[in-house]
N, C-alpha and C. Protein backbone atom coordinates (compact mmCIF):
# COMPACT_ATOMS: atom_id res chain seq x y z
N MET A 1 17.97 -7.00 -22.34
CA MET A 1 18.19 -6.74 -20.55
C MET A 1 18.82 -5.16 -20.54
N SER A 2 18.06 -4.59 -19.51
CA SER A 2 18.97 -3.25 -19.23
C SER A 2 19.15 -3.64 -17.62
N ASP A 3 20.17 -2.50 -17.28
CA ASP A 3 20.27 -2.89 -15.69
C ASP A 3 20.81 -1.43 -15.01
N ALA A 4 20.83 -1.73 -13.59
CA ALA A 4 20.85 -0.60 -13.03
C ALA A 4 21.92 -0.07 -12.46
N PRO A 5 22.40 0.60 -11.77
CA PRO A 5 23.43 0.69 -10.73
C PRO A 5 23.58 -0.16 -9.51
N MET A 6 24.00 -0.51 -9.10
CA MET A 6 24.42 -1.13 -7.74
C MET A 6 24.79 -0.57 -6.19
N LEU A 7 24.66 -0.40 -5.16
CA LEU A 7 25.04 0.19 -3.88
C LEU A 7 26.22 -0.02 -3.80
N GLY A 8 26.99 0.55 -3.81
CA GLY A 8 28.33 0.31 -3.05
C GLY A 8 29.09 -0.86 -4.27
N SER A 9 29.03 -1.16 -5.23
CA SER A 9 29.42 -2.11 -6.05
C SER A 9 29.31 -1.18 -7.46
N SER A 10 30.59 -2.02 -8.15
CA SER A 10 30.73 -1.14 -9.99
C SER A 10 29.91 -2.38 -11.02
N ALA A 11 28.94 -3.21 -9.95
CA ALA A 11 28.39 -4.04 -10.81
C ALA A 11 26.63 -3.88 -11.13
N LYS A 12 26.50 -4.34 -12.17
CA LYS A 12 25.01 -3.83 -12.44
C LYS A 12 23.77 -4.58 -11.94
N LEU A 13 22.83 -4.31 -11.83
CA LEU A 13 21.19 -5.28 -11.70
C LEU A 13 20.85 -5.15 -12.87
N ALA A 14 20.93 -6.41 -13.18
CA ALA A 14 20.19 -7.21 -14.37
C ALA A 14 18.89 -6.77 -14.11
N LEU A 15 17.88 -6.18 -15.72
CA LEU A 15 16.82 -5.98 -15.34
C LEU A 15 16.21 -6.68 -16.55
N ASP A 16 14.89 -6.86 -16.38
CA ASP A 16 13.84 -7.63 -17.90
C ASP A 16 13.28 -6.49 -18.35
N GLU A 17 13.90 -5.74 -19.51
CA GLU A 17 13.05 -4.70 -20.59
C GLU A 17 11.56 -4.94 -20.61
N GLU A 18 10.78 -6.10 -20.26
CA GLU A 18 9.61 -6.20 -20.75
C GLU A 18 8.89 -5.55 -19.42
N ILE A 19 9.65 -5.81 -18.23
CA ILE A 19 9.30 -5.33 -17.30
C ILE A 19 9.51 -3.72 -16.78
N PHE A 20 10.76 -3.79 -16.81
CA PHE A 20 11.11 -2.45 -16.57
C PHE A 20 11.28 -1.64 -17.16
N ALA A 21 10.63 -1.61 -18.79
CA ALA A 21 10.93 -0.66 -19.60
C ALA A 21 9.55 -0.22 -20.22
N ALA A 22 8.74 -0.92 -19.70
CA ALA A 22 7.15 -0.70 -19.88
C ALA A 22 6.59 0.55 -19.86
N GLY A 23 5.51 1.15 -21.03
CA GLY A 23 5.23 2.52 -20.56
C GLY A 23 4.46 2.40 -19.34
N PHE A 24 4.31 4.04 -19.05
CA PHE A 24 3.61 4.37 -17.56
C PHE A 24 1.91 4.46 -17.85
N ASN A 25 1.05 3.67 -17.25
CA ASN A 25 -0.16 4.15 -17.33
C ASN A 25 -0.69 4.67 -15.96
N GLU A 26 -0.77 5.37 -15.90
CA GLU A 26 -1.21 6.44 -14.82
C GLU A 26 -2.93 6.03 -14.03
N ALA A 27 -3.72 5.71 -15.03
CA ALA A 27 -4.92 5.41 -14.89
C ALA A 27 -4.89 4.13 -13.94
N LEU A 28 -3.98 3.25 -14.51
CA LEU A 28 -4.10 1.93 -13.81
C LEU A 28 -3.21 1.84 -12.70
N VAL A 29 -2.28 2.53 -12.45
CA VAL A 29 -1.73 2.64 -11.47
C VAL A 29 -2.66 3.26 -10.03
N HIS A 30 -3.27 4.04 -10.63
CA HIS A 30 -4.17 5.04 -9.61
C HIS A 30 -5.37 3.97 -8.99
N ASN A 31 -5.55 3.20 -10.11
CA ASN A 31 -6.68 2.42 -9.50
C ASN A 31 -6.23 1.13 -8.94
N SER A 32 -5.20 0.32 -9.23
CA SER A 32 -4.39 -0.65 -8.40
C SER A 32 -4.18 0.45 -6.63
N VAL A 33 -3.77 1.54 -6.61
CA VAL A 33 -3.34 1.99 -5.37
C VAL A 33 -4.98 2.38 -4.61
N ARG A 34 -5.78 2.89 -5.05
CA ARG A 34 -6.59 2.62 -4.66
C ARG A 34 -7.48 1.42 -3.98
N ALA A 35 -7.57 0.69 -4.80
CA ALA A 35 -7.68 -0.78 -4.87
C ALA A 35 -6.94 -1.61 -3.10
N GLU A 36 -5.52 -1.24 -3.18
CA GLU A 36 -4.84 -1.65 -2.22
C GLU A 36 -5.15 -1.09 -1.03
N GLN A 37 -5.57 0.36 -0.80
CA GLN A 37 -5.60 1.26 0.12
C GLN A 37 -7.02 0.94 0.89
N ALA A 38 -8.10 0.40 -0.24
CA ALA A 38 -9.10 0.01 0.51
C ALA A 38 -9.58 -0.80 0.72
N ALA A 39 -8.57 -1.86 0.77
CA ALA A 39 -8.75 -3.17 0.89
C ALA A 39 -7.96 -3.30 1.87
N ARG A 40 -7.00 -2.30 2.78
CA ARG A 40 -6.58 -1.90 4.29
C ARG A 40 -7.74 -1.56 4.98
N ARG A 41 -8.36 -0.91 4.75
CA ARG A 41 -9.55 -0.02 5.30
C ARG A 41 -10.26 -1.18 6.30
N ARG A 42 -10.26 -0.99 7.69
CA ARG A 42 -11.03 -1.72 8.70
C ARG A 42 -12.12 -2.20 8.29
N GLY A 43 -12.72 -0.83 8.20
CA GLY A 43 -14.35 -0.72 7.85
C GLY A 43 -15.18 -1.14 9.12
N THR A 44 -14.70 -0.54 10.23
CA THR A 44 -15.30 -0.80 11.84
C THR A 44 -16.46 0.21 12.22
N ALA A 45 -15.94 0.96 11.58
CA ALA A 45 -17.09 2.56 12.10
C ALA A 45 -18.64 2.37 12.22
N SER A 46 -19.17 2.63 13.46
CA SER A 46 -20.50 2.07 13.28
C SER A 46 -21.09 3.39 14.32
N THR A 47 -22.27 3.43 13.82
CA THR A 47 -23.24 4.37 14.55
C THR A 47 -24.52 3.78 15.05
N LEU A 48 -25.40 4.49 16.18
CA LEU A 48 -26.49 3.59 16.34
C LEU A 48 -27.74 5.11 15.71
N THR A 49 -28.93 4.23 15.19
CA THR A 49 -29.79 4.75 14.89
C THR A 49 -30.76 5.01 15.98
N ARG A 50 -31.39 5.63 15.76
CA ARG A 50 -32.35 6.13 16.94
C ARG A 50 -33.09 4.57 17.77
N GLY A 51 -33.47 3.63 17.01
CA GLY A 51 -33.96 2.38 16.74
C GLY A 51 -33.13 1.86 17.79
N LYS A 52 -31.78 1.90 18.35
CA LYS A 52 -30.48 1.10 18.69
C LYS A 52 -30.42 2.12 19.88
N VAL A 53 -30.67 3.03 20.16
CA VAL A 53 -30.04 4.31 21.21
C VAL A 53 -31.00 3.56 22.41
N SER A 54 -30.44 3.90 23.76
CA SER A 54 -31.05 3.26 24.66
C SER A 54 -32.20 4.53 25.34
N GLY A 55 -33.08 4.32 25.96
CA GLY A 55 -33.85 5.04 26.76
C GLY A 55 -35.07 5.56 25.57
N GLY A 56 -35.71 6.68 26.09
CA GLY A 56 -36.81 7.13 25.13
C GLY A 56 -37.48 6.88 25.28
N GLY A 57 -38.05 5.57 25.88
CA GLY A 57 -39.49 4.94 25.32
C GLY A 57 -40.88 5.76 26.03
N ALA A 58 -40.37 6.86 26.94
CA ALA A 58 -41.61 7.52 27.24
C ALA A 58 -41.55 8.96 26.65
N LYS A 59 -42.99 9.46 26.47
CA LYS A 59 -43.18 10.54 25.75
C LYS A 59 -42.41 12.01 26.65
N PRO A 60 -41.50 12.36 26.12
CA PRO A 60 -41.06 13.55 27.21
C PRO A 60 -42.14 14.27 28.04
N TRP A 61 -43.50 14.92 26.78
CA TRP A 61 -44.08 15.75 27.75
C TRP A 61 -45.26 15.34 26.67
N ARG A 62 -46.61 16.10 27.41
CA ARG A 62 -47.80 15.84 26.66
C ARG A 62 -47.62 16.60 25.40
N GLN A 63 -48.58 16.30 24.55
CA GLN A 63 -48.78 16.88 23.12
C GLN A 63 -48.89 18.21 23.00
N LYS A 64 -49.95 18.74 24.05
CA LYS A 64 -50.50 20.22 23.78
C LYS A 64 -50.50 21.04 25.18
N GLY A 65 -50.41 21.93 24.86
CA GLY A 65 -50.57 22.87 26.74
C GLY A 65 -49.14 23.61 26.76
N THR A 66 -48.13 22.66 26.20
CA THR A 66 -46.54 23.03 26.76
C THR A 66 -46.18 24.41 26.72
N GLY A 67 -46.87 24.93 25.12
CA GLY A 67 -45.82 25.88 24.22
C GLY A 67 -44.75 25.28 23.68
N ARG A 68 -43.96 24.34 23.86
CA ARG A 68 -43.24 23.69 23.13
C ARG A 68 -43.49 22.53 21.96
N ALA A 69 -42.60 22.24 21.02
CA ALA A 69 -42.85 21.59 19.90
C ALA A 69 -43.01 19.95 20.47
N ARG A 70 -43.83 19.53 19.39
CA ARG A 70 -44.07 18.42 20.25
C ARG A 70 -43.05 17.29 19.81
N ALA A 71 -42.71 16.06 20.85
CA ALA A 71 -41.63 15.88 20.57
C ALA A 71 -42.46 14.05 21.28
N GLY A 72 -41.85 13.02 20.75
CA GLY A 72 -42.28 11.56 20.99
C GLY A 72 -41.57 11.00 21.55
N SER A 73 -40.24 11.00 21.64
CA SER A 73 -38.61 10.30 21.96
C SER A 73 -37.95 11.43 22.27
N SER A 74 -36.97 11.25 23.22
CA SER A 74 -35.67 11.76 23.28
C SER A 74 -34.76 11.06 22.84
N ARG A 75 -35.03 9.88 22.19
CA ARG A 75 -33.45 9.42 20.93
C ARG A 75 -33.70 9.67 19.74
N SER A 76 -34.81 11.20 19.19
CA SER A 76 -34.92 11.45 17.95
C SER A 76 -33.79 12.18 17.73
N PRO A 77 -33.13 12.06 16.35
CA PRO A 77 -31.79 12.02 15.77
C PRO A 77 -31.55 14.02 15.98
N VAL A 78 -32.58 14.52 16.15
CA VAL A 78 -32.37 16.32 16.33
C VAL A 78 -32.07 16.51 17.81
N TRP A 79 -32.09 15.56 18.66
CA TRP A 79 -31.89 15.72 20.04
C TRP A 79 -30.47 15.31 20.20
N THR A 80 -29.89 16.11 21.21
CA THR A 80 -28.70 15.86 21.54
C THR A 80 -28.64 14.38 22.47
N GLY A 81 -27.75 13.47 21.71
CA GLY A 81 -27.53 12.40 22.29
C GLY A 81 -28.84 11.38 22.03
N GLY A 82 -29.13 11.74 20.67
CA GLY A 82 -30.18 10.62 19.61
C GLY A 82 -29.82 9.84 19.15
N GLY A 83 -30.30 9.39 18.29
CA GLY A 83 -29.85 8.56 17.25
C GLY A 83 -29.16 9.33 15.77
N THR A 84 -28.42 8.67 15.38
CA THR A 84 -27.74 9.34 13.69
C THR A 84 -28.27 8.66 12.72
N VAL A 85 -28.52 9.96 12.06
CA VAL A 85 -29.52 9.38 10.42
C VAL A 85 -27.88 9.25 9.71
N PHE A 86 -28.26 8.02 8.90
CA PHE A 86 -26.97 7.43 7.23
C PHE A 86 -26.07 7.80 8.23
N GLY A 87 -25.58 7.40 9.25
CA GLY A 87 -24.00 7.41 10.19
C GLY A 87 -23.60 6.03 9.44
N PRO A 88 -22.59 6.06 9.66
CA PRO A 88 -21.33 4.79 9.30
C PRO A 88 -21.67 3.40 10.04
N HIS A 89 -21.48 2.58 9.14
CA HIS A 89 -22.04 1.31 10.20
C HIS A 89 -20.97 0.05 9.37
N PRO A 90 -20.45 -1.18 9.73
CA PRO A 90 -19.44 -1.79 9.40
C PRO A 90 -19.86 -2.07 8.06
N ARG A 91 -18.57 -2.43 7.39
CA ARG A 91 -18.85 -2.63 5.57
C ARG A 91 -17.19 -2.46 4.90
N SER A 92 -17.27 -3.39 4.21
CA SER A 92 -16.20 -3.78 3.42
C SER A 92 -16.19 -2.68 2.43
N TYR A 93 -14.89 -1.97 2.03
CA TYR A 93 -14.13 -0.78 1.33
C TYR A 93 -13.78 -1.81 0.07
N THR A 94 -13.80 -2.99 -0.16
CA THR A 94 -12.29 -3.74 -0.91
C THR A 94 -13.49 -3.67 -2.41
N PHE A 95 -12.50 -3.30 -3.60
CA PHE A 95 -13.20 -3.31 -4.68
C PHE A 95 -12.15 -4.24 -5.68
N LYS A 96 -12.54 -4.82 -6.57
CA LYS A 96 -11.72 -5.87 -7.41
C LYS A 96 -10.77 -5.14 -8.86
N VAL A 97 -9.82 -5.43 -8.80
CA VAL A 97 -8.92 -5.08 -9.79
C VAL A 97 -8.26 -6.32 -10.47
N ASN A 98 -8.67 -6.80 -11.63
CA ASN A 98 -8.29 -7.92 -12.32
C ASN A 98 -6.93 -8.26 -12.24
N ARG A 99 -6.47 -9.16 -13.00
CA ARG A 99 -4.94 -9.67 -12.30
C ARG A 99 -4.34 -9.37 -13.55
N LYS A 100 -4.41 -9.19 -15.06
CA LYS A 100 -4.10 -8.72 -15.84
C LYS A 100 -3.78 -6.85 -15.68
N GLU A 101 -4.60 -6.26 -15.19
CA GLU A 101 -4.71 -4.93 -14.67
C GLU A 101 -3.69 -4.75 -14.08
N HIS A 102 -3.59 -5.43 -12.92
CA HIS A 102 -3.12 -5.44 -11.38
C HIS A 102 -1.50 -5.42 -11.92
N ARG A 103 -1.12 -6.81 -13.02
CA ARG A 103 0.44 -6.81 -13.70
C ARG A 103 0.52 -6.03 -14.38
N ALA A 104 0.18 -5.03 -15.33
CA ALA A 104 0.39 -4.29 -16.06
C ALA A 104 0.74 -2.80 -14.88
N ALA A 105 -0.42 -2.51 -13.98
CA ALA A 105 0.28 -1.67 -13.08
C ALA A 105 1.36 -1.84 -12.13
N LEU A 106 1.67 -2.97 -12.47
CA LEU A 106 3.26 -3.38 -11.55
C LEU A 106 3.79 -2.70 -12.26
N ARG A 107 3.99 -3.54 -13.45
CA ARG A 107 5.05 -2.97 -14.35
C ARG A 107 5.10 -1.74 -14.63
N SER A 108 4.01 -0.92 -14.78
CA SER A 108 3.99 1.02 -14.92
C SER A 108 4.80 1.44 -13.64
N ALA A 109 4.72 1.41 -12.62
CA ALA A 109 5.35 1.47 -11.56
C ALA A 109 6.59 0.96 -11.19
N LEU A 110 7.10 0.06 -11.92
CA LEU A 110 8.50 -0.33 -12.19
C LEU A 110 9.16 0.20 -12.93
N SER A 111 8.48 0.55 -13.85
CA SER A 111 9.13 0.97 -15.16
C SER A 111 9.08 2.45 -15.06
N LEU A 112 8.56 2.93 -13.94
CA LEU A 112 8.65 4.65 -13.84
C LEU A 112 9.92 5.25 -12.83
N HIS A 113 9.94 3.89 -11.95
CA HIS A 113 11.38 4.38 -11.25
C HIS A 113 12.65 4.02 -12.64
N ALA A 114 12.75 2.83 -13.16
CA ALA A 114 13.84 3.04 -13.90
C ALA A 114 13.75 4.00 -14.72
N SER A 115 12.97 4.54 -15.63
CA SER A 115 13.21 5.47 -16.34
C SER A 115 13.28 6.91 -15.47
N ARG A 116 13.10 7.09 -14.28
CA ARG A 116 14.00 8.27 -13.55
C ARG A 116 15.06 7.98 -13.11
N GLY A 117 15.76 7.05 -12.98
CA GLY A 117 16.86 6.72 -12.32
C GLY A 117 16.91 6.49 -10.89
N SER A 118 15.66 6.21 -10.09
CA SER A 118 15.47 6.00 -9.24
C SER A 118 15.31 4.72 -8.31
N LEU A 119 16.09 3.74 -9.69
CA LEU A 119 15.71 2.26 -9.09
C LEU A 119 17.16 1.93 -9.05
N VAL A 120 17.31 1.27 -8.08
CA VAL A 120 19.33 0.88 -7.85
C VAL A 120 19.22 -0.44 -7.11
N GLY A 121 20.14 -1.28 -7.57
CA GLY A 121 20.48 -2.44 -7.10
C GLY A 121 21.30 -2.73 -5.51
N LEU A 122 21.15 -4.02 -4.72
CA LEU A 122 21.84 -3.89 -3.49
C LEU A 122 22.15 -4.99 -3.53
N ASP A 123 23.20 -5.54 -3.16
CA ASP A 123 23.89 -7.10 -2.95
C ASP A 123 23.76 -7.56 -1.61
N ALA A 124 22.59 -8.16 -1.81
CA ALA A 124 22.08 -8.26 -0.20
C ALA A 124 23.35 -9.26 0.27
N ALA A 125 24.33 -10.16 -0.27
CA ALA A 125 25.05 -10.78 -0.16
C ALA A 125 26.19 -10.32 0.74
N ALA A 126 26.70 -9.04 0.45
CA ALA A 126 27.51 -8.10 1.22
C ALA A 126 27.46 -8.21 2.67
N PHE A 127 25.82 -8.30 2.70
CA PHE A 127 25.69 -8.20 4.79
C PHE A 127 26.14 -9.53 5.39
N GLU A 128 27.35 -9.95 5.62
CA GLU A 128 27.80 -11.35 6.34
C GLU A 128 27.03 -11.34 7.72
N ALA A 129 26.23 -10.18 8.18
CA ALA A 129 25.92 -10.17 9.47
C ALA A 129 24.78 -8.67 9.35
N PRO A 130 23.52 -8.44 10.37
CA PRO A 130 23.01 -7.46 10.42
C PRO A 130 24.01 -6.09 10.89
N SER A 131 24.09 -5.17 10.07
CA SER A 131 24.63 -4.19 10.01
C SER A 131 23.68 -2.60 9.78
N THR A 132 23.12 -2.00 10.83
CA THR A 132 22.52 -0.89 10.58
C THR A 132 23.36 0.35 9.98
N LYS A 133 24.95 0.37 10.18
CA LYS A 133 26.11 1.24 10.15
C LYS A 133 26.03 0.79 8.48
N GLN A 134 26.24 -0.32 8.33
CA GLN A 134 27.04 -0.58 6.53
C GLN A 134 25.41 -0.40 5.67
N ALA A 135 24.20 -0.41 6.14
CA ALA A 135 23.22 0.07 5.48
C ALA A 135 22.93 1.41 5.55
N LEU A 136 23.14 1.91 6.27
CA LEU A 136 23.19 3.53 6.59
C LEU A 136 24.02 4.26 5.35
N ALA A 137 25.15 3.84 5.69
CA ALA A 137 26.42 4.16 4.81
C ALA A 137 26.12 3.85 3.07
N LEU A 138 25.33 2.84 2.82
CA LEU A 138 25.16 2.65 1.30
C LEU A 138 23.79 3.81 1.25
N LEU A 139 22.95 4.03 2.15
CA LEU A 139 21.79 5.29 1.43
C LEU A 139 22.32 6.21 1.61
N ALA A 140 23.59 6.87 1.87
CA ALA A 140 24.01 8.33 1.97
C ALA A 140 23.72 8.99 0.81
N ASP A 141 24.14 8.84 -0.37
CA ASP A 141 23.68 9.52 -1.40
C ASP A 141 22.37 9.69 -2.10
N VAL A 142 21.73 8.59 -1.51
CA VAL A 142 20.24 7.98 -2.08
C VAL A 142 19.22 8.88 -1.73
N ALA A 143 18.20 9.45 -2.64
CA ALA A 143 16.82 10.12 -2.28
C ALA A 143 15.78 9.40 -1.32
N MET A 144 15.14 10.27 -0.43
CA MET A 144 14.55 10.09 0.65
C MET A 144 13.27 10.07 0.19
N PRO A 145 12.42 9.71 1.07
CA PRO A 145 12.30 8.01 1.22
C PRO A 145 12.51 6.80 0.15
N VAL A 146 12.84 5.80 1.28
CA VAL A 146 13.29 4.99 0.21
C VAL A 146 12.43 3.60 0.44
N LEU A 147 12.11 2.89 -0.37
CA LEU A 147 11.41 1.45 0.04
C LEU A 147 12.71 0.48 -0.58
N VAL A 148 12.89 -0.28 0.38
CA VAL A 148 14.20 -1.55 0.13
C VAL A 148 13.29 -2.63 -0.41
N VAL A 149 13.34 -3.58 -1.35
CA VAL A 149 12.62 -4.94 -1.29
C VAL A 149 13.82 -6.05 -1.31
N LEU A 150 13.26 -7.10 -0.94
CA LEU A 150 14.63 -8.44 -0.60
C LEU A 150 13.66 -9.51 -0.86
N ASP A 151 14.76 -10.86 -0.92
CA ASP A 151 13.87 -11.99 -0.87
C ASP A 151 13.58 -12.39 0.42
N VAL A 152 13.17 -13.25 0.68
CA VAL A 152 12.39 -13.71 2.15
C VAL A 152 13.89 -14.41 3.08
N ALA A 153 14.86 -15.31 1.90
CA ALA A 153 16.08 -15.55 2.61
C ALA A 153 16.99 -14.64 2.83
N GLU A 154 16.90 -13.38 2.58
CA GLU A 154 17.76 -12.29 2.40
C GLU A 154 17.96 -11.52 4.24
N ARG A 155 17.78 -12.34 5.15
CA ARG A 155 17.46 -11.86 6.36
C ARG A 155 18.31 -10.82 6.63
N ASP A 156 19.57 -11.27 6.74
CA ASP A 156 20.62 -10.04 7.24
C ASP A 156 20.41 -8.50 7.14
N ALA A 157 20.29 -8.54 5.25
CA ALA A 157 19.92 -7.70 4.91
C ALA A 157 18.90 -6.68 5.38
N ALA A 158 17.73 -7.68 5.69
CA ALA A 158 16.41 -7.05 5.90
C ALA A 158 16.60 -6.44 7.15
N LEU A 159 17.40 -7.24 8.21
CA LEU A 159 17.29 -6.77 9.75
C LEU A 159 18.26 -5.35 9.69
N SER A 160 19.19 -5.10 8.99
CA SER A 160 19.94 -4.10 8.54
C SER A 160 19.26 -2.60 8.07
N PHE A 161 18.15 -2.62 7.27
CA PHE A 161 17.68 -1.84 6.90
C PHE A 161 16.44 -1.54 7.78
N ARG A 162 15.80 -2.22 8.82
CA ARG A 162 14.45 -2.17 9.08
C ARG A 162 14.15 -0.85 10.06
N ASN A 163 15.47 -0.59 10.87
CA ASN A 163 15.39 0.64 11.54
C ASN A 163 15.55 1.81 11.38
N LEU A 164 15.87 2.17 10.04
CA LEU A 164 16.40 3.16 9.77
C LEU A 164 15.18 3.99 9.57
N ASP A 165 15.44 5.40 9.82
CA ASP A 165 14.09 6.55 9.28
C ASP A 165 14.31 6.90 7.74
N ARG A 166 12.63 7.06 7.50
CA ARG A 166 12.33 6.87 6.43
C ARG A 166 12.73 6.10 5.19
N VAL A 167 12.82 4.92 5.94
CA VAL A 167 13.20 3.89 4.87
C VAL A 167 12.03 2.37 5.34
N ALA A 168 11.77 1.96 4.49
CA ALA A 168 10.62 1.12 4.27
C ALA A 168 10.98 -0.33 3.77
N LEU A 169 10.63 -1.39 4.64
CA LEU A 169 11.22 -2.45 3.93
C LEU A 169 10.51 -3.47 3.52
N ALA A 170 10.52 -4.14 2.19
CA ALA A 170 9.03 -5.10 2.26
C ALA A 170 9.51 -6.39 1.40
N ASP A 171 8.93 -7.21 1.50
CA ASP A 171 9.13 -8.66 0.94
C ASP A 171 8.95 -8.92 -0.43
N ALA A 172 9.60 -8.77 -1.55
CA ALA A 172 8.96 -9.23 -2.66
C ALA A 172 8.00 -9.77 -3.28
N VAL A 173 7.92 -10.75 -2.17
CA VAL A 173 6.51 -11.76 -2.82
C VAL A 173 5.19 -10.67 -2.61
N ASP A 174 5.18 -10.16 -1.91
CA ASP A 174 3.59 -9.14 -1.40
C ASP A 174 4.01 -7.95 -1.35
N VAL A 175 4.77 -7.13 -1.69
CA VAL A 175 5.22 -5.52 -1.78
C VAL A 175 3.93 -5.07 -2.61
N GLY A 176 3.19 -3.62 -2.16
CA GLY A 176 2.35 -3.01 -3.07
C GLY A 176 2.77 -2.37 -3.81
N ILE A 177 1.96 -2.23 -4.90
CA ILE A 177 1.96 -0.98 -5.53
C ILE A 177 2.29 0.42 -4.89
N THR A 178 1.25 0.37 -3.95
CA THR A 178 1.43 1.68 -3.05
C THR A 178 2.38 1.97 -2.78
N GLU A 179 3.46 1.33 -2.04
CA GLU A 179 4.37 1.26 -1.55
C GLU A 179 5.77 1.63 -2.28
N ILE A 180 5.55 1.08 -3.96
CA ILE A 180 6.70 1.16 -4.85
C ILE A 180 6.17 2.69 -4.97
N VAL A 181 5.06 3.07 -5.42
CA VAL A 181 4.93 4.53 -5.86
C VAL A 181 5.11 5.69 -4.98
N TRP A 182 5.34 4.97 -3.76
CA TRP A 182 5.71 6.22 -2.70
C TRP A 182 6.97 6.42 -2.29
N ALA A 183 7.71 5.55 -2.88
CA ALA A 183 9.21 5.71 -2.72
C ALA A 183 9.52 6.49 -3.99
N ALA A 184 10.79 7.09 -3.05
CA ALA A 184 11.53 8.10 -3.85
C ALA A 184 12.92 7.38 -4.78
N THR A 185 12.83 6.30 -4.21
CA THR A 185 14.16 5.60 -4.14
C THR A 185 13.85 4.11 -4.25
N LEU A 186 13.86 3.53 -5.10
CA LEU A 186 13.45 2.00 -5.09
C LEU A 186 14.64 0.87 -5.15
N VAL A 187 15.07 0.49 -3.85
CA VAL A 187 16.48 -0.62 -3.88
C VAL A 187 15.90 -1.96 -4.13
N LEU A 188 16.71 -2.44 -5.09
CA LEU A 188 16.14 -3.70 -5.14
C LEU A 188 17.43 -4.77 -5.26
N SER A 189 17.08 -5.97 -4.49
CA SER A 189 18.03 -7.37 -4.48
C SER A 189 18.06 -8.24 -6.03
N ASP A 190 19.15 -8.46 -6.45
CA ASP A 190 19.08 -9.67 -7.32
C ASP A 190 17.93 -10.46 -7.33
N ALA A 191 17.56 -10.72 -6.43
CA ALA A 191 16.46 -11.99 -6.21
C ALA A 191 15.44 -11.51 -6.25
N ALA A 192 15.03 -9.97 -5.73
CA ALA A 192 13.72 -9.28 -5.40
C ALA A 192 13.07 -8.78 -6.88
N ALA A 193 14.36 -8.80 -7.57
CA ALA A 193 13.85 -8.04 -8.90
C ALA A 193 13.52 -9.16 -9.60
N LYS A 194 14.00 -10.26 -9.74
CA LYS A 194 13.74 -11.89 -10.40
C LYS A 194 12.06 -12.28 -9.68
N THR A 195 11.67 -11.99 -8.51
CA THR A 195 10.35 -12.29 -8.17
C THR A 195 9.28 -11.43 -8.44
N LEU A 196 9.88 -9.64 -8.49
CA LEU A 196 8.91 -8.76 -9.05
C LEU A 196 8.71 -9.16 -11.00
N SER A 197 9.66 -9.16 -11.29
CA SER A 197 9.60 -9.62 -12.83
C SER A 197 8.73 -10.49 -12.88
N ALA A 198 8.74 -11.75 -12.06
CA ALA A 198 8.00 -13.29 -12.30
C ALA A 198 6.64 -12.60 -11.70
N ARG A 199 6.09 -11.49 -11.19
CA ARG A 199 4.69 -11.27 -10.43
C ARG A 199 4.28 -10.57 -11.79
N ALA A 200 4.73 -9.49 -12.34
CA ALA A 200 4.54 -8.74 -13.66
C ALA A 200 4.22 -8.96 -14.54
N ALA A 201 5.06 -10.56 -15.32
CA ALA A 201 4.93 -10.38 -16.19
C ALA A 201 3.47 -11.33 -16.57
N ALA A 202 3.39 -11.01 -17.89
CA ALA A 202 2.36 -11.50 -18.93
C ALA A 202 2.32 -12.91 -18.85
N PRO A 203 0.98 -13.49 -18.52
CA PRO A 203 0.89 -14.94 -18.75
C PRO A 203 1.10 -15.44 -19.83
N THR A 204 2.07 -16.28 -20.42
CA THR A 204 2.26 -16.92 -22.17
C THR A 204 1.35 -17.98 -22.25
N ARG A 205 1.21 -17.81 -23.73
CA ARG A 205 0.50 -18.59 -24.48
C ARG A 205 0.41 -19.78 -24.00
N GLU A 206 1.55 -20.83 -24.09
CA GLU A 206 1.26 -22.17 -23.32
C GLU A 206 0.35 -22.40 -22.19
N ALA A 207 0.99 -21.59 -21.11
CA ALA A 207 0.42 -21.49 -19.51
C ALA A 207 -1.33 -21.59 -19.89
N LYS A 208 -1.49 -20.52 -20.81
CA LYS A 208 -3.17 -20.48 -21.12
C LYS A 208 -3.67 -21.48 -21.41
N SER A 209 -2.90 -21.85 -22.24
CA SER A 209 -3.71 -23.31 -22.77
C SER A 209 -3.14 -24.88 -22.27
C-alpha cells in the first residue's frame, strides 16, 4: 500500500499499489478516451439528398435553345437550395473497448496522477453540512482544474464542491477516464478510492472459474 496527502489533514489516503502504481499505457488511455467521447456524441446531424428536398418536379427550362446549360431539376446538388451529396445522416459513433483494456486504462490514468503527485485525499466526513467556503479553502493551494471524486453517500461534501469554478464533481461509480486525465489535480475520498480500485482491479482466477 502507498499513500497520498489529505486536504486539511495530517493523515494519509491509503492507495492500492496494484492500481495506483501501475505503468502508464498512453495508447490504451487514448483509445478509452476516444471511446468515451464517441459514445457521448448524439449523432443526430442530418442532411437532405436531392430525393428528399421538396419541389423540383418540373424541368426548369427546355432542353435546347435557351443558351443555358441543361437542367433537369432545381433540386440538383449544384443548385442553391438543392440536395446535399454525401452529407451526414443520423448514426452511432460508438465503438467497443473491451473490459480488460478499459480496466488497464483506468489504472494508467490513476497511476499518472499518483506518480505526478497530483492525487490528494479528502476527508469527506469533515463536512458536517454543505459549505462552499470550506471546500474553497481546502483547494486554495491546489492546481486547477480539479476533479473531485466522491462516493454517492458523501452528499454534504458533494454539495460543497459542486458550484466552484474550474472544479468538476463525479461519482466514483461512473467517473470516466476522460475526466480523470482532464484534471490537473485529482481529489479522492477514501470511499471513492476503494470504489475506483475495485473498478480498475483485474479479475482474480477464482472469479473466472
